[in-house]
Amino acid sequence: MKKILSALFMVALVASGTFAADVTLVASFNITGKDAVKSVFTVKGALGSVENDSVDPKLVDVVGGASLKKGTELWNLYRPDTTDKKLAQWPAGFQSLVKYAVSNVAQYKSDNFQAKKAADGVITIYYAHRGTAYKIVTDKTGKLDMNSQTQWKRAIGFMPAAPATEQLLGKDFAPSGTATDLNFLKVFDGSVASGKVIAEGAPNKVADMFVDVAPSATAFQGAAQLTLVGNVLTIKGDFNLKK
């Protein structure tokens, strides 16, 4: 499987030029969702590249995709294992995190996106997307290694059937059932046991908390450098497929 994946990337490299890393990433955005059109999203790699993508001014307040240069679609090409599409090559939380650079204002609110920098330099990020809550923690220098074991996820809700557009969350964590009053500390401190029914009449149940790692045998390796200056979060990194 590894040989097949490597061969495919080599073919793409020949066709599109060489790169210092399999994937180079830059994502920068205001964590409140404000000034969305000033966000920056750059992805460079053998499967395609986009530079300085941002939020389409026409889609800032629209539900759904907001990328101006289709950066979301491009980034998604780097997510699945080439030989097994069910296996992701990134931790789920990190994969979605960088896409906030091409997300509309409503997405930040519906996911209750939060990022804080402690006095010692550690950056902690929380958000809940499509019923799963994520916690991402850097080291004191702002580095986030893809194998750091400091990324977690927990299913605490689900997406109701259309035409609903908001995730439905367990009221043990969010009394309103939405991310508006979601208590992330309760999600990840273990005080609420798994197995509880999320909503009456629905089969979905609260899951255990898991360390968020990429399941693919050829997952991307490397560390992202995060900075949080005021409300602007910037994520940069060069990543290579595991050989």
Protein backbone atom coordinates (compact mmCIF):
# COMPACT_ATOMS: atom_id res chain seq x y z
CA MET A 1 0.00 0.00 0.00
CA LYS A 2 2.84 2.40 0.88
CA LYS A 3 4.63 1.68 -2.42
CA ILE A 4 1.47 2.36 -4.43
CA LEU A 5 0.84 5.66 -2.64
CA SER A 6 4.45 6.78 -3.06
CA ALA A 7 4.34 5.92 -6.78
CA LEU A 8 1.20 7.99 -7.30
CA PHE A 9 2.79 10.98 -5.61
CA MET A 10 5.93 10.62 -7.71
CA VAL A 11 3.86 10.66 -10.90
CA ALA A 12 2.07 13.79 -9.70
CA LEU A 13 5.39 15.41 -8.79
CA VAL A 14 6.76 14.88 -12.27
CA ALA A 15 3.60 16.34 -13.79
CA SER A 16 3.36 19.41 -11.61
CA GLY A 17 6.89 20.20 -10.50
CA THR A 18 8.87 19.38 -7.36
CA PHE A 19 8.06 20.47 -3.81
CA ALA A 20 10.20 20.76 -0.68
CA ALA A 21 7.57 18.78 1.21
CA ASP A 22 4.64 16.61 0.22
CA VAL A 23 2.34 19.32 1.57
CA THR A 24 3.05 22.90 2.60
CA LEU A 25 0.28 24.65 4.50
CA VAL A 26 -0.49 28.18 5.65
CA ALA A 27 -3.81 29.11 7.27
CA SER A 28 -4.48 32.41 9.02
CA PHE A 29 -7.81 33.71 10.27
CA ASN A 30 -9.62 35.73 12.93
CA ILE A 31 -10.99 33.24 15.49
CA THR A 32 -14.16 35.29 15.90
CA GLY A 33 -14.98 34.99 12.21
CA LYS A 34 -14.65 38.73 11.72
CA ASP A 35 -12.73 40.09 8.74
CA ALA A 36 -13.25 36.75 7.03
CA VAL A 37 -12.24 38.16 3.66
CA LYS A 38 -8.78 38.87 5.14
CA SER A 39 -8.19 35.21 5.94
CA VAL A 40 -5.38 33.41 4.12
CA PHE A 41 -5.28 29.77 3.04
CA THR A 42 -2.37 28.32 1.06
CA VAL A 43 -1.81 24.67 0.21
CA LYS A 44 1.01 23.42 -2.00
CA GLY A 45 1.56 19.82 -3.02
CA ALA A 46 1.64 17.25 -5.77
CA LEU A 47 -2.14 16.87 -5.91
CA GLY A 48 -2.71 20.56 -6.55
CA SER A 49 -1.99 23.96 -5.06
CA VAL A 50 -3.82 27.11 -4.11
CA GLU A 51 -2.19 30.31 -2.87
CA ASN A 52 -3.73 33.02 -0.72
CA ASP A 53 -7.25 31.66 -0.91
CA SER A 54 -9.77 33.45 1.28
CA VAL A 55 -13.49 33.81 1.87
CA ASP A 56 -15.55 34.95 -1.08
CA PRO A 57 -17.02 38.36 -0.08
CA LYS A 58 -20.35 37.23 -1.56
CA LEU A 59 -20.46 34.20 0.77
CA VAL A 60 -19.39 35.71 4.10
CA ASP A 61 -22.90 35.44 5.53
CA VAL A 62 -24.09 32.43 3.56
CA VAL A 63 -24.43 28.93 5.02
CA GLY A 64 -22.15 26.47 3.23
CA GLY A 65 -18.83 26.65 1.39
CA ALA A 66 -17.24 30.10 1.30
CA SER A 67 -13.88 29.55 -0.40
CA LEU A 68 -13.01 32.05 -3.11
CA LYS A 69 -10.54 29.80 -4.96
CA LYS A 70 -11.98 26.38 -4.05
CA GLY A 71 -9.29 25.79 -1.42
CA THR A 72 -11.63 23.57 0.60
CA GLU A 73 -12.04 21.13 -2.26
CA LEU A 74 -8.30 21.07 -2.87
CA TRP A 75 -7.44 20.49 0.80
CA ASN A 76 -9.87 17.59 0.89
CA LEU A 77 -7.83 15.84 -1.81
CA TYR A 78 -5.05 15.40 0.73
CA ARG A 79 -7.31 13.87 3.38
CA PRO A 80 -7.91 10.23 2.34
CA ASP A 81 -5.42 7.41 2.09
CA THR A 82 -4.98 6.77 -1.63
CA THR A 83 -5.49 3.02 -1.30
CA ASP A 84 -8.27 3.13 1.29
CA LYS A 85 -10.53 6.18 1.08
CA LYS A 86 -12.00 5.39 4.51
CA LEU A 87 -8.69 6.13 6.23
CA ALA A 88 -7.68 9.74 6.81
CA GLN A 89 -4.10 10.98 6.56
CA TRP A 90 -4.65 13.80 9.07
CA PRO A 91 -6.09 13.92 12.59
CA ALA A 92 -9.76 14.82 12.08
CA GLY A 93 -9.59 17.92 14.23
CA PHE A 94 -6.57 19.34 12.44
CA GLN A 95 -8.03 18.53 9.03
CA SER A 96 -11.09 20.66 9.81
CA LEU A 97 -9.23 23.30 11.82
CA VAL A 98 -7.34 24.78 8.90
CA LYS A 99 -10.52 25.08 6.83
CA TYR A 100 -11.76 27.86 9.10
CA ALA A 101 -9.53 30.08 6.96
CA VAL A 102 -12.09 29.62 4.18
CA SER A 103 -15.24 29.47 6.32
CA ASN A 104 -18.01 32.02 6.67
CA VAL A 105 -18.86 33.87 9.89
CA ALA A 106 -21.78 31.56 10.69
CA GLN A 107 -19.48 28.54 10.86
CA TYR A 108 -17.49 29.97 13.77
CA LYS A 109 -20.67 30.62 15.70
CA SER A 110 -22.37 27.29 15.00
CA ASP A 111 -19.19 25.43 16.01
CA ASN A 112 -18.46 27.69 19.03
CA PHE A 113 -14.85 28.03 17.90
CA GLN A 114 -12.46 29.01 20.70
CA ALA A 115 -8.70 29.50 20.92
CA LYS A 116 -6.68 30.72 23.90
CA LYS A 117 -3.00 31.22 24.59
CA ALA A 118 -1.81 30.59 28.15
CA ALA A 119 0.91 32.57 29.88
CA ASP A 120 3.38 29.75 29.22
CA GLY A 121 2.73 29.87 25.48
CA VAL A 122 0.48 26.82 25.14
CA ILE A 123 -2.37 27.35 22.66
CA THR A 124 -5.59 25.43 23.28
CA ILE A 125 -8.31 25.19 20.66
CA TYR A 126 -11.87 23.94 21.06
CA TYR A 127 -14.67 23.58 18.57
CA ALA A 128 -17.59 21.26 17.81
CA HIS A 129 -18.45 20.36 14.24
CA ARG A 130 -21.22 18.06 13.01
CA GLY A 131 -21.71 16.57 16.47
CA THR A 132 -18.06 15.93 17.34
CA ALA A 133 -16.13 18.09 19.79
CA TYR A 134 -12.41 18.65 19.32
CA LYS A 135 -9.60 19.75 21.63
CA ILE A 136 -6.18 20.64 20.22
CA VAL A 137 -3.24 21.63 22.42
CA THR A 138 0.20 22.83 21.31
CA ASP A 139 3.44 22.76 23.28
CA LYS A 140 4.81 25.91 24.93
CA THR A 141 6.36 27.08 21.67
CA GLY A 142 3.13 26.74 19.72
CA LYS A 143 4.20 23.58 17.91
CA LEU A 144 1.69 20.85 17.17
CA ASP A 145 3.18 17.56 16.05
CA MET A 146 0.80 15.33 14.11
CA ASN A 147 1.84 12.49 16.47
CA SER A 148 1.85 14.55 19.67
CA GLN A 149 -1.09 12.77 21.34
CA THR A 150 -2.41 16.21 22.36
CA GLN A 151 -5.40 16.22 20.05
CA TRP A 152 -8.69 14.72 21.20
CA LYS A 153 -12.18 14.19 19.86
CA ARG A 154 -15.51 13.08 21.27
CA ALA A 155 -18.86 12.51 19.62
CA ILE A 156 -21.44 14.36 21.71
CA GLY A 157 -24.13 15.04 19.13
CA PHE A 158 -25.20 14.55 15.53
CA MET A 159 -26.49 16.35 12.48
CA PRO A 160 -30.30 16.04 12.23
CA ALA A 161 -31.85 15.29 8.87
CA ALA A 162 -32.44 18.10 6.38
CA PRO A 163 -33.62 20.80 6.37
CA ALA A 164 -31.85 21.24 9.74
CA THR A 165 -28.51 23.07 9.42
CA GLU A 166 -27.40 23.08 13.08
CA GLN A 167 -25.83 20.18 14.95
CA LEU A 168 -27.78 18.76 17.88
CA LEU A 169 -25.68 18.26 21.01
CA GLY A 170 -26.24 16.38 24.26
CA LYS A 171 -27.77 18.62 26.91
CA ASP A 172 -25.35 17.36 29.55
CA PHE A 173 -22.78 19.45 27.71
CA ALA A 174 -24.96 22.11 26.09
CA PRO A 175 -28.26 22.87 27.89
CA SER A 176 -29.71 24.46 24.76
CA GLY A 177 -28.75 21.47 22.63
CA THR A 178 -26.66 23.77 20.43
CA ALA A 179 -23.02 24.82 20.52
CA THR A 180 -23.99 28.25 21.81
CA ASP A 181 -23.65 27.21 25.46
CA LEU A 182 -21.42 24.18 24.97
CA ASN A 183 -19.16 23.54 27.98
CA PHE A 184 -15.99 22.10 26.49
CA LEU A 185 -14.49 21.42 29.91
CA LYS A 186 -17.32 19.00 30.68
CA VAL A 187 -16.84 17.32 27.33
CA PHE A 188 -13.21 16.46 28.01
CA ASP A 189 -12.94 16.15 31.80
CA GLY A 190 -14.71 12.78 31.91
CA SER A 191 -17.47 13.92 34.25
CA VAL A 192 -20.18 12.86 31.80
CA ALA A 193 -20.09 9.15 30.99
CA SER A 194 -20.42 7.77 27.49
CA GLY A 195 -23.47 5.80 26.39
CA LYS A 196 -26.07 8.42 27.23
CA VAL A 197 -28.74 9.03 24.61
CA ILE A 198 -28.20 12.43 23.02
CA ALA A 199 -31.81 13.18 22.13
CA GLU A 200 -35.08 11.43 22.88
CA GLY A 201 -36.12 9.17 20.02
CA ALA A 202 -32.69 9.24 18.36
CA PRO A 203 -30.29 6.28 18.39
CA ASN A 204 -27.19 8.46 18.76
CA LYS A 205 -25.30 8.19 22.04
CA VAL A 206 -22.46 10.08 23.68
CA ALA A 207 -19.17 8.40 22.84
CA ASP A 208 -15.91 7.98 24.70
CA MET A 209 -13.11 10.50 24.29
CA PHE A 210 -10.37 9.41 21.90
CA VAL A 211 -6.90 10.67 21.09
CA ASP A 212 -7.26 12.15 17.62
CA VAL A 213 -4.66 10.57 15.34
CA ALA A 214 -4.65 9.84 11.63
CA PRO A 215 -5.58 6.17 11.04
CA SER A 216 -3.75 5.88 7.71
CA ALA A 217 -0.49 3.91 7.61
CA THR A 218 0.86 6.66 5.35
CA ALA A 219 -0.34 9.58 7.46
CA PHE A 220 1.31 12.96 7.07
CA GLN A 221 4.21 13.53 9.46
CA GLY A 222 5.56 16.81 10.75
CA ALA A 223 4.68 19.67 13.05
CA ALA A 224 2.56 22.75 12.53
CA GLN A 225 3.68 26.04 14.02
CA LEU A 226 0.77 27.93 15.56
CA THR A 227 0.70 31.54 16.69
CA LEU A 228 -2.17 33.46 18.26
CA VAL A 229 -1.75 37.22 18.13
CA GLY A 230 -4.81 39.00 19.38
CA ASN A 231 -7.63 37.14 17.67
CA VAL A 232 -5.61 36.04 14.65
CA LEU A 233 -4.60 32.39 14.60
CA THR A 234 -1.92 31.38 12.11
CA ILE A 235 -0.97 27.80 11.26
CA LYS A 236 2.08 26.93 9.17
CA GLY A 237 3.80 23.67 8.39
CA ASP A 238 5.58 21.36 5.98
CA PHE A 239 4.44 17.75 6.02
CA ASN A 240 5.60 14.52 4.43
CA LEU A 241 3.86 11.21 4.00
CA LYS A 242 5.02 8.47 6.33
CA LYS A 243 7.29 6.11 4.44
